[in-house]
Amino acid sequence: MSAEWGLFSGGRWSPGVGVAEVRNPYTDEVVGTVVRASPEQALEAARGLAGVRSELTAYDRSNILTATAELLHRERDDFASTISQESGLAIMDARREVDRAATQLRYCAEEGKRITGEAIRTDVTSARQRRLAITTREPIGVVCAVTPFNRPLNQVVTKVAPAIAANNRVVVKPSEKTPLSAIRLVDALLRSGLPPDLIALVCGEPGELVDALIHSGHIDMLTFTGSTRVGRLLAASAGMIRQTYELGDSGALVIMADADIPAAVAAATAGAFATSGQSCRGVKRIIAHEDVADEFVRELAAAASALVVGDPGDPATDIGTLIDRHAASEVEARVARAVAAGARVLCGARRVGAQYWPTVLDHVPRDADLVRLETFGPTAPVIRVKDFPEAVEVVNDSRYGLQAGIFTNNLEHARRAAELFDVGAVVVNGGPQFESPNIPFGGVKDSGIGREGARYAIEEMTRVKTLVI
């Protein structure tokens, strides 16, 4: 990636205040260099967006997003290679991410055509006012999209596509660890016809740049995906602008005594280990009924042991690296503390550099920080419970509440789980990793505020105006 890229402002790629290297977590080789922006340049980018108004029609925006999806499809291998090289993600996971991003773009392209209001009669009081109120949804203005290192393409698309569909202007601040995919996406949007004065991109240290943006007076909405700690700091600082936060989780998968064990094992394997366990909606706690726990953990350990850990660029690799050595070391330390507290390792618990082997643990104490905190790594910690009420108690004994899954053939347990699990979504006979572009995605408690998902993100990124005639 050219060192001239990394700051897009005022409709052009511009020089910044320095250059940052992007390193491959597997080889530690430099795979790209990007321009770093100063806080003043970030502020100028926001000011430039605030000074323009989009004249694109819904048809125009749909065509741009569709063309971008088609471009991603044509350049799938290049995008996937960029994702894998900058994040350490296995290439097969990276290819799936490109496909998901293209699907998001296509869905937002269609959903943007369906932004509508309603007509409301006002003769509902004793005043008998025979008027008609008509509501419309207008773009909120300038959206600041701050994205994390995991899924570095799709996380940006999840915010930028609905922002464009809703006719907003958008400034993107990608993770300083994985900016290359975001740069590629902005370039793809421009090549697909997006007017250059409707988007900006700034790379650099998140603290100073995001602070400059949200206090610039030119940002109308902040949409942030990242840690709960940073989300709380931003929420306390951002003031009266619209805000949505998609934060951490300790995603629970419940295995009841009547569960389909092979299906539950498949869901747990995919949810805990895909993308090297670095997924906000992944499986981070497994709550297994004691009657089937022995069978379940035995089969899960066998499935985990069969996964290939290796070079992320090798198509045969299932598990690449974590984002860096520090992240892998933190997972290693949490596993060690869980073992010291009584957990038993069935497989894995091995680290080399930034790689951590898929790890299954049984008899994990429910107060271990491996499960109390959001552990971003390929671990499958199993907590045993005696019945459904205890399973509900363990699920809800968390500061997080994004998504949860339950495997059961008992309709009453499924219904009660939907009612009692304190989370944003409950998946019956599936894992918390379930996703679809047309459903709402977001959590409760420390997992965030607001909803993503094409239609729901568009609603967050618009404001209602009422006309009375």
Protein backbone atom coordinates (compact mmCIF):
# COMPACT_ATOMS: atom_id res chain seq x y z
CA MET A 1 0.00 0.00 0.00
CA SER A 2 1.44 3.35 -0.99
CA ALA A 3 2.69 5.59 1.82
CA GLU A 4 0.77 8.41 0.12
CA TRP A 5 -2.47 6.84 1.36
CA GLY A 6 -4.02 7.02 4.80
CA LEU A 7 -5.38 10.56 4.92
CA PHE A 8 -8.29 11.31 2.60
CA SER A 9 -9.68 14.80 3.20
CA GLY A 10 -11.15 17.53 1.08
CA GLY A 11 -11.73 15.11 -1.78
CA ARG A 12 -8.12 13.95 -2.17
CA TRP A 13 -5.36 11.85 -0.66
CA SER A 14 -3.17 14.19 1.32
CA PRO A 15 0.17 14.19 3.15
CA GLY A 16 0.02 13.85 6.91
CA VAL A 17 2.41 14.44 9.78
CA GLY A 18 4.27 11.17 9.46
CA VAL A 19 4.11 7.58 8.31
CA ALA A 20 3.08 4.50 10.31
CA GLU A 21 4.09 0.95 9.54
CA VAL A 22 1.60 -1.92 9.48
CA ARG A 23 3.11 -5.27 10.43
CA ASN A 24 2.02 -8.84 9.78
CA PRO A 25 1.42 -10.44 13.21
CA TYR A 26 2.66 -13.80 11.92
CA THR A 27 5.95 -12.75 10.29
CA ASP A 28 6.42 -9.32 11.91
CA GLU A 29 7.21 -8.03 8.43
CA VAL A 30 6.05 -4.59 7.30
CA VAL A 31 3.11 -5.12 4.93
CA GLY A 32 2.18 -1.49 4.42
CA THR A 33 2.78 2.09 5.43
CA VAL A 34 0.09 4.71 5.90
CA VAL A 35 -0.01 8.45 6.39
CA ARG A 36 -0.75 9.55 9.94
CA ALA A 37 -3.09 12.50 10.42
CA SER A 38 -2.73 15.16 13.09
CA PRO A 39 -5.69 16.22 15.27
CA GLU A 40 -5.79 19.47 13.27
CA GLN A 41 -6.05 17.51 10.03
CA ALA A 42 -8.83 15.37 11.48
CA LEU A 43 -10.69 18.51 12.46
CA GLU A 44 -10.20 19.94 8.96
CA ALA A 45 -11.57 16.70 7.45
CA ALA A 46 -14.71 16.99 9.58
CA ARG A 47 -15.09 20.67 8.74
CA GLY A 48 -14.85 19.90 5.03
CA LEU A 49 -17.61 17.28 5.23
CA ALA A 50 -19.87 19.60 7.21
CA GLY A 51 -19.56 22.23 4.50
CA VAL A 52 -21.11 20.10 1.74
CA ARG A 53 -24.51 18.59 1.17
CA SER A 54 -25.12 15.40 -0.77
CA GLU A 55 -27.26 15.76 -3.88
CA LEU A 56 -27.31 12.00 -4.51
CA THR A 57 -30.68 10.35 -5.00
CA ALA A 58 -31.59 7.02 -3.44
CA TYR A 59 -31.07 5.51 -6.88
CA ASP A 60 -27.58 7.03 -7.12
CA ARG A 61 -26.57 5.78 -3.69
CA SER A 62 -27.88 2.31 -4.41
CA ASN A 63 -25.87 2.14 -7.62
CA ILE A 64 -22.68 3.25 -5.84
CA LEU A 65 -23.04 0.66 -3.09
CA THR A 66 -23.91 -2.09 -5.58
CA ALA A 67 -20.94 -1.20 -7.76
CA THR A 68 -18.69 -1.31 -4.70
CA ALA A 69 -20.01 -4.77 -3.83
CA GLU A 70 -19.26 -5.94 -7.36
CA LEU A 71 -15.76 -4.48 -7.15
CA LEU A 72 -15.13 -6.36 -3.88
CA HIS A 73 -16.27 -9.53 -5.60
CA ARG A 74 -13.90 -8.99 -8.53
CA GLU A 75 -10.98 -8.12 -6.25
CA ARG A 76 -11.84 -10.67 -3.57
CA ASP A 77 -8.40 -12.24 -3.40
CA ASP A 78 -6.64 -8.88 -3.09
CA PHE A 79 -8.96 -7.70 -0.32
CA ALA A 80 -8.65 -11.03 1.51
CA SER A 81 -4.87 -10.93 1.26
CA THR A 82 -4.83 -7.44 2.76
CA ILE A 83 -7.05 -8.54 5.65
CA SER A 84 -4.93 -11.60 6.34
CA GLN A 85 -1.60 -9.80 6.15
CA GLU A 86 -2.51 -6.91 8.43
CA SER A 87 -4.56 -8.85 11.01
CA GLY A 88 -3.12 -12.38 10.95
CA LEU A 89 -6.52 -13.80 10.10
CA ALA A 90 -6.54 -17.14 8.29
CA ILE A 91 -7.03 -16.54 4.57
CA MET A 92 -10.22 -18.65 4.47
CA ASP A 93 -11.71 -16.44 7.20
CA ALA A 94 -10.53 -13.35 5.31
CA ARG A 95 -12.27 -14.50 2.13
CA ARG A 96 -15.49 -15.04 4.07
CA GLU A 97 -15.14 -11.52 5.44
CA VAL A 98 -14.92 -10.05 1.94
CA ASP A 99 -18.05 -11.98 0.97
CA ARG A 100 -19.87 -10.70 4.05
CA ALA A 101 -18.83 -7.14 3.30
CA ALA A 102 -20.13 -7.42 -0.27
CA THR A 103 -23.43 -8.80 1.04
CA GLN A 104 -23.73 -5.89 3.49
CA LEU A 105 -23.14 -3.41 0.69
CA ARG A 106 -25.78 -5.01 -1.53
CA TYR A 107 -28.33 -5.13 1.27
CA CYS A 108 -27.76 -1.49 2.24
CA ALA A 109 -28.06 -0.56 -1.43
CA GLU A 110 -31.61 -1.92 -1.43
CA GLU A 111 -32.54 -0.79 2.08
CA GLY A 112 -31.60 2.79 1.24
CA LYS A 113 -34.44 2.85 -1.28
CA ARG A 114 -36.94 2.03 1.45
CA ILE A 115 -36.38 5.02 3.74
CA THR A 116 -39.93 6.22 4.30
CA GLY A 117 -42.08 8.20 6.71
CA GLU A 118 -45.74 8.08 7.63
CA ALA A 119 -48.91 10.15 7.48
CA ILE A 120 -50.66 10.87 10.81
CA ARG A 121 -54.11 12.39 11.31
CA THR A 122 -54.20 14.95 14.16
CA ASP A 123 -57.95 14.98 14.95
CA VAL A 124 -57.41 12.84 18.07
CA THR A 125 -58.13 15.38 20.82
CA SER A 126 -61.08 17.53 21.82
CA ALA A 127 -59.53 20.36 19.78
CA ARG A 128 -60.57 18.38 16.65
CA GLN A 129 -57.63 19.67 14.60
CA ARG A 130 -58.20 18.36 11.10
CA ARG A 131 -54.59 18.39 9.99
CA LEU A 132 -52.29 15.81 8.47
CA ALA A 133 -48.78 15.33 9.86
CA ILE A 134 -46.28 13.79 7.48
CA THR A 135 -42.97 12.47 8.76
CA THR A 136 -39.81 12.06 6.73
CA ARG A 137 -36.38 10.68 7.59
CA GLU A 138 -33.49 13.00 6.83
CA PRO A 139 -29.77 12.23 6.93
CA ILE A 140 -28.32 13.05 10.32
CA GLY A 141 -25.34 14.84 8.78
CA VAL A 142 -21.71 13.93 9.34
CA VAL A 143 -21.13 10.45 10.79
CA CYS A 144 -17.87 9.60 12.52
CA ALA A 145 -17.23 5.84 12.19
CA VAL A 146 -14.59 4.41 14.54
CA THR A 147 -13.75 0.77 13.91
CA PRO A 148 -11.62 -1.95 15.60
CA PHE A 149 -8.85 -4.25 14.39
CA ASN A 150 -10.94 -7.42 14.18
CA ARG A 151 -12.77 -7.92 10.88
CA PRO A 152 -11.09 -4.78 9.53
CA LEU A 153 -13.09 -4.65 6.29
CA ASN A 154 -16.55 -5.74 7.38
CA GLN A 155 -16.55 -3.57 10.51
CA VAL A 156 -16.01 -0.51 8.32
CA VAL A 157 -18.64 -1.57 5.78
CA THR A 158 -21.16 -2.14 8.61
CA LYS A 159 -20.95 1.57 9.42
CA VAL A 160 -20.09 3.24 6.13
CA ALA A 161 -22.65 1.46 3.92
CA PRO A 162 -25.75 2.48 5.95
CA ALA A 163 -24.32 5.98 6.39
CA ILE A 164 -24.09 6.38 2.61
CA ALA A 165 -27.46 4.68 2.07
CA ALA A 166 -29.00 7.31 4.37
CA ASN A 167 -27.27 10.10 2.39
CA ASN A 168 -24.87 11.15 5.11
CA ARG A 169 -21.28 12.25 4.86
CA VAL A 170 -18.87 10.05 6.77
CA VAL A 171 -15.39 10.26 8.26
CA VAL A 172 -13.75 6.90 8.95
CA LYS A 173 -11.21 6.31 11.71
CA PRO A 174 -10.02 2.69 11.37
CA SER A 175 -7.89 0.86 13.91
CA GLU A 176 -4.30 1.98 13.81
CA LYS A 177 -3.40 -1.73 13.81
CA THR A 178 -5.38 -2.63 10.66
CA PRO A 179 -5.94 0.48 8.51
CA LEU A 180 -5.16 -1.04 5.10
CA SER A 181 -8.56 -2.69 4.54
CA ALA A 182 -10.35 0.57 5.31
CA ILE A 183 -8.13 2.44 2.84
CA ARG A 184 -8.93 -0.16 0.18
CA LEU A 185 -12.65 0.24 0.88
CA VAL A 186 -12.58 4.04 0.56
CA ASP A 187 -10.71 3.67 -2.71
CA ALA A 188 -13.30 1.15 -3.90
CA LEU A 189 -16.16 3.52 -3.04
CA LEU A 190 -14.49 6.34 -4.94
CA ARG A 191 -13.88 4.12 -7.97
CA SER A 192 -17.56 3.13 -7.81
CA GLY A 193 -18.76 6.71 -8.13
CA LEU A 194 -19.01 8.10 -4.60
CA PRO A 195 -18.39 11.87 -4.80
CA PRO A 196 -15.03 12.45 -3.08
CA ASP A 197 -16.28 15.34 -0.98
CA LEU A 198 -18.71 13.03 0.89
CA ILE A 199 -16.14 10.85 2.64
CA ALA A 200 -12.95 11.29 4.65
CA LEU A 201 -10.50 8.88 6.25
CA VAL A 202 -7.98 9.59 8.99
CA CYS A 203 -5.37 7.18 10.38
CA GLY A 204 -3.31 7.52 13.51
CA GLU A 205 -3.53 7.38 17.28
CA PRO A 206 -7.19 6.86 18.23
CA GLY A 207 -7.24 8.95 21.40
CA GLU A 208 -6.16 12.24 19.91
CA LEU A 209 -7.93 11.86 16.55
CA VAL A 210 -11.31 10.71 17.87
CA ASP A 211 -11.23 13.36 20.57
CA ALA A 212 -10.55 16.03 17.96
CA LEU A 213 -13.37 14.76 15.76
CA ILE A 214 -16.13 14.49 18.37
CA HIS A 215 -15.27 17.92 19.81
CA SER A 216 -14.90 19.59 16.43
CA GLY A 217 -18.47 20.85 16.35
CA HIS A 218 -18.86 19.28 12.91
CA ILE A 219 -19.82 15.70 13.85
CA ASP A 220 -23.51 14.84 14.15
CA MET A 221 -23.14 11.16 15.07
CA LEU A 222 -20.51 8.86 16.51
CA THR A 223 -20.74 5.15 15.76
CA PHE A 224 -18.09 3.16 17.62
CA THR A 225 -17.12 -0.49 17.82
CA GLY A 226 -14.44 -1.43 20.33
CA SER A 227 -13.81 -2.07 23.99
CA THR A 228 -16.25 -1.20 26.74
CA ARG A 229 -13.55 0.83 28.49
CA VAL A 230 -13.02 3.13 25.51
CA GLY A 231 -16.75 3.23 24.76
CA ARG A 232 -17.47 4.51 28.25
CA LEU A 233 -14.83 7.22 27.91
CA LEU A 234 -16.28 8.34 24.59
CA ALA A 235 -19.85 8.31 25.89
CA ALA A 236 -18.83 10.53 28.81
CA SER A 237 -17.11 12.95 26.45
CA ALA A 238 -19.20 13.09 23.26
CA GLY A 239 -21.96 15.31 24.57
CA MET A 240 -25.25 15.73 22.70
CA ILE A 241 -24.38 14.17 19.37
CA ARG A 242 -26.15 10.93 18.36
CA GLN A 243 -24.16 7.89 19.50
CA THR A 244 -24.21 4.13 18.97
CA TYR A 245 -21.81 1.72 20.61
CA GLU A 246 -21.13 -1.93 19.85
CA LEU A 247 -18.83 -3.00 22.66
CA GLY A 248 -17.65 -6.16 24.41
CA ASP A 249 -19.37 -9.41 25.28
CA SER A 250 -18.89 -12.67 27.12
CA GLY A 251 -21.10 -14.55 24.67
CA ALA A 252 -22.80 -17.54 26.30
CA LEU A 253 -23.72 -20.83 24.65
CA VAL A 254 -26.01 -23.00 26.79
CA ILE A 255 -26.08 -26.77 26.27
CA MET A 256 -29.11 -28.37 27.92
CA ALA A 257 -29.47 -32.09 28.73
CA ASP A 258 -31.69 -32.69 25.68
CA ALA A 259 -29.37 -30.86 23.26
CA ASP A 260 -28.29 -32.22 19.90
CA ILE A 261 -24.66 -32.73 20.94
CA PRO A 262 -23.07 -32.96 17.45
CA ALA A 263 -24.85 -29.76 16.40
CA ALA A 264 -23.86 -28.03 19.66
CA VAL A 265 -20.23 -29.07 19.21
CA ALA A 266 -20.22 -27.70 15.65
CA ALA A 267 -21.67 -24.38 16.82
CA ALA A 268 -19.25 -24.13 19.73
CA THR A 269 -16.26 -24.89 17.50
CA ALA A 270 -17.22 -22.26 14.95
CA GLY A 271 -18.19 -19.69 17.56
CA ALA A 272 -15.14 -20.05 19.78
CA PHE A 273 -12.37 -20.52 17.23
CA ALA A 274 -13.30 -18.79 13.94
CA THR A 275 -11.31 -15.58 13.33
CA SER A 276 -8.89 -16.86 16.02
CA GLY A 277 -11.59 -16.22 18.63
CA GLN A 278 -11.52 -12.47 17.99
CA SER A 279 -15.21 -11.83 17.41
CA CYS A 280 -17.48 -9.65 19.51
CA ARG A 281 -20.38 -12.06 19.07
CA GLY A 282 -18.34 -15.25 19.37
CA VAL A 283 -18.69 -18.03 21.95
CA LYS A 284 -16.77 -16.98 25.06
CA ARG A 285 -18.56 -19.07 27.71
CA ILE A 286 -20.12 -22.51 27.35
CA ILE A 287 -22.67 -23.39 30.01
CA ALA A 288 -23.22 -27.15 29.87
CA HIS A 289 -25.75 -29.25 31.76
CA GLU A 290 -23.89 -31.74 33.95
CA ASP A 291 -25.78 -34.70 32.44
CA VAL A 292 -24.20 -34.15 28.99
CA ALA A 293 -21.08 -32.18 29.89
CA ASP A 294 -18.70 -35.16 29.72
CA GLU A 295 -19.81 -36.12 26.21
CA PHE A 296 -19.88 -32.53 25.04
CA VAL A 297 -16.38 -31.57 26.22
CA ARG A 298 -14.89 -34.79 24.87
CA GLU A 299 -16.30 -34.12 21.40
CA LEU A 300 -15.44 -30.41 21.52
CA ALA A 301 -11.83 -31.15 22.46
CA ALA A 302 -11.58 -33.59 19.54
CA ALA A 303 -12.94 -30.96 17.14
CA ALA A 304 -10.59 -28.28 18.49
CA SER A 305 -7.56 -30.57 18.27
CA ALA A 306 -8.30 -31.22 14.59
CA LEU A 307 -8.00 -27.52 13.67
CA VAL A 308 -4.82 -26.50 11.85
CA VAL A 309 -2.79 -23.68 13.38
CA GLY A 310 -0.25 -22.16 11.03
CA ASP A 311 0.60 -19.61 8.37
CA PRO A 312 -2.47 -17.36 7.91
CA GLY A 313 -1.77 -17.20 4.17
CA ASP A 314 -1.98 -20.98 3.75
CA PRO A 315 -5.48 -22.09 2.63
CA ALA A 316 -5.08 -25.20 4.82
CA THR A 317 -4.81 -23.07 7.98
CA ASP A 318 -7.85 -22.82 10.27
CA ILE A 319 -6.33 -20.60 12.97
CA GLY A 320 -3.94 -17.76 12.16
CA THR A 321 -2.69 -15.34 14.78
CA LEU A 322 -4.17 -12.95 17.25
CA ILE A 323 -3.63 -9.29 16.49
CA ASP A 324 -0.26 -9.22 18.29
CA ARG A 325 1.94 -10.96 20.85
CA HIS A 326 0.50 -8.96 23.72
CA ALA A 327 -3.02 -10.14 22.93
CA ALA A 328 -1.89 -13.77 22.80
CA SER A 329 0.03 -13.37 26.06
CA GLU A 330 -3.08 -12.01 27.76
CA VAL A 331 -5.13 -15.02 26.68
CA GLU A 332 -2.34 -17.30 27.89
CA ALA A 333 -2.32 -15.57 31.29
CA ARG A 334 -6.09 -15.80 31.72
CA VAL A 335 -6.06 -19.51 30.89
CA ALA A 336 -3.27 -20.06 33.42
CA ARG A 337 -5.22 -18.25 36.14
CA ALA A 338 -8.34 -20.30 35.37
CA VAL A 339 -6.32 -23.51 35.66
CA ALA A 340 -4.88 -22.33 38.97
CA ALA A 341 -8.46 -21.79 40.17
CA GLY A 342 -9.50 -25.36 39.29
CA ALA A 343 -10.18 -25.47 35.54
CA ARG A 344 -8.89 -28.45 33.56
CA VAL A 345 -7.30 -28.11 30.11
CA LEU A 346 -8.45 -30.72 27.60
CA CYS A 347 -6.46 -29.41 24.64
CA GLY A 348 -4.44 -26.41 23.54
CA ALA A 349 -3.05 -23.92 26.06
CA ARG A 350 -0.01 -23.35 23.88
CA ARG A 351 1.38 -20.05 22.59
CA VAL A 352 4.08 -19.23 20.07
CA GLY A 353 4.47 -15.52 19.38
CA ALA A 354 1.08 -14.08 18.42
CA GLN A 355 -0.43 -17.53 17.86
CA TYR A 356 -2.51 -19.31 20.46
CA TRP A 357 -3.75 -22.85 19.95
CA PRO A 358 -7.50 -23.65 20.22
CA THR A 359 -8.06 -24.37 23.90
CA VAL A 360 -10.89 -26.24 25.60
CA LEU A 361 -11.21 -26.00 29.38
CA ASP A 362 -13.66 -27.84 31.64
CA HIS A 363 -14.85 -27.05 35.17
CA VAL A 364 -14.06 -23.35 34.74
CA PRO A 365 -15.08 -21.31 37.80
CA ARG A 366 -17.75 -18.82 36.85
CA ASP A 367 -15.79 -16.01 38.53
CA ALA A 368 -12.58 -16.62 36.54
CA ASP A 369 -11.56 -13.57 34.54
CA LEU A 370 -11.32 -15.86 31.50
CA VAL A 371 -15.14 -15.76 31.45
CA ARG A 372 -15.89 -12.64 33.48
CA LEU A 373 -13.99 -10.43 31.04
CA GLU A 374 -14.19 -10.42 27.26
CA THR A 375 -11.44 -12.84 26.25
CA PHE A 376 -10.42 -12.21 22.65
CA GLY A 377 -8.81 -15.48 21.67
CA PRO A 378 -9.51 -19.10 20.64
CA THR A 379 -10.72 -20.47 23.97
CA ALA A 380 -13.79 -22.55 24.85
CA PRO A 381 -14.28 -22.41 28.63
CA VAL A 382 -16.97 -24.80 29.93
CA ILE A 383 -18.97 -24.03 33.07
CA ARG A 384 -21.12 -26.89 34.36
CA VAL A 385 -24.65 -26.35 35.71
CA LYS A 386 -27.25 -28.67 37.21
CA ASP A 387 -30.46 -27.28 35.66
CA PHE A 388 -32.08 -24.56 33.54
CA PRO A 389 -32.53 -22.00 36.36
CA GLU A 390 -28.81 -22.20 37.14
CA ALA A 391 -27.99 -21.81 33.45
CA VAL A 392 -30.07 -18.61 33.33
CA GLU A 393 -28.31 -17.35 36.44
CA VAL A 394 -24.86 -17.93 34.92
CA VAL A 395 -25.81 -16.34 31.58
CA ASN A 396 -26.99 -13.19 33.31
CA ASP A 397 -24.10 -13.07 35.78
CA SER A 398 -22.15 -10.83 33.44
CA ARG A 399 -21.66 -7.14 32.85
CA TYR A 400 -22.21 -7.87 29.14
CA GLY A 401 -25.29 -8.78 27.12
CA LEU A 402 -24.78 -8.93 23.36
CA GLN A 403 -26.03 -12.30 22.09
CA ALA A 404 -26.48 -15.79 23.54
CA GLY A 405 -27.36 -19.22 22.19
CA ILE A 406 -29.09 -22.24 23.65
CA PHE A 407 -29.26 -25.83 22.42
CA THR A 408 -32.43 -27.58 23.57
CA ASN A 409 -35.37 -29.53 22.22
CA ASN A 410 -37.57 -28.28 25.03
CA LEU A 411 -39.87 -25.56 23.68
CA GLU A 412 -40.49 -24.16 27.15
CA HIS A 413 -36.76 -23.81 27.80
CA ALA A 414 -36.36 -22.04 24.46
CA ARG A 415 -39.24 -19.68 25.24
CA ARG A 416 -37.99 -18.96 28.74
CA ALA A 417 -34.46 -18.36 27.48
CA ALA A 418 -35.75 -15.72 25.08
CA GLU A 419 -37.59 -14.11 27.97
CA LEU A 420 -34.97 -14.39 30.72
CA PHE A 421 -31.56 -14.07 29.05
CA ASP A 422 -30.54 -10.44 29.51
CA VAL A 423 -29.02 -9.98 26.05
CA GLY A 424 -29.77 -8.30 22.75
CA ALA A 425 -30.53 -11.53 20.89
CA VAL A 426 -31.15 -15.18 21.76
CA VAL A 427 -30.41 -17.89 19.19
CA VAL A 428 -32.22 -21.21 19.68
CA ASN A 429 -30.23 -24.26 18.56
CA GLY A 430 -27.43 -22.03 17.33
CA GLY A 431 -24.53 -20.05 18.71
CA PRO A 432 -24.33 -16.37 19.64
CA GLN A 433 -22.30 -15.85 16.46
CA PHE A 434 -25.46 -15.98 14.32
CA GLU A 435 -25.75 -12.98 12.00
CA SER A 436 -27.80 -11.71 9.09
CA PRO A 437 -27.69 -8.27 7.43
CA ASN A 438 -31.45 -7.73 7.79
CA ILE A 439 -31.82 -8.18 11.57
CA PRO A 440 -30.92 -5.82 14.40
CA PHE A 441 -27.58 -6.32 16.10
CA GLY A 442 -26.66 -4.77 19.42
CA GLY A 443 -26.57 -5.43 23.11
CA VAL A 444 -27.57 -4.36 26.57
CA LYS A 445 -25.63 -3.48 29.70
CA ASP A 446 -21.93 -2.94 28.92
CA SER A 447 -22.31 -4.41 25.43
CA GLY A 448 -23.45 -1.11 24.01
CA ILE A 449 -26.21 1.27 22.95
CA GLY A 450 -28.17 1.31 19.71
CA ARG A 451 -28.46 -1.21 16.90
CA GLU A 452 -26.60 -2.11 13.72
CA GLY A 453 -27.93 -4.17 10.82
CA ALA A 454 -28.78 -2.38 7.57
CA ARG A 455 -32.29 -1.05 8.24
CA TYR A 456 -31.66 -0.44 11.93
CA ALA A 457 -28.37 1.35 11.35
CA ILE A 458 -30.05 3.54 8.74
CA GLU A 459 -32.70 4.47 11.31
CA GLU A 460 -29.95 5.37 13.79
CA MET A 461 -28.28 7.50 11.12
CA THR A 462 -31.37 9.50 10.21
CA ARG A 463 -33.58 11.96 12.07
CA VAL A 464 -37.32 12.35 11.86
CA LYS A 465 -38.78 15.63 10.60
CA THR A 466 -42.51 16.34 10.74
CA LEU A 467 -44.51 18.47 8.29
CA VAL A 468 -48.03 19.50 9.32
CA ILE A 469 -50.45 20.52 6.57
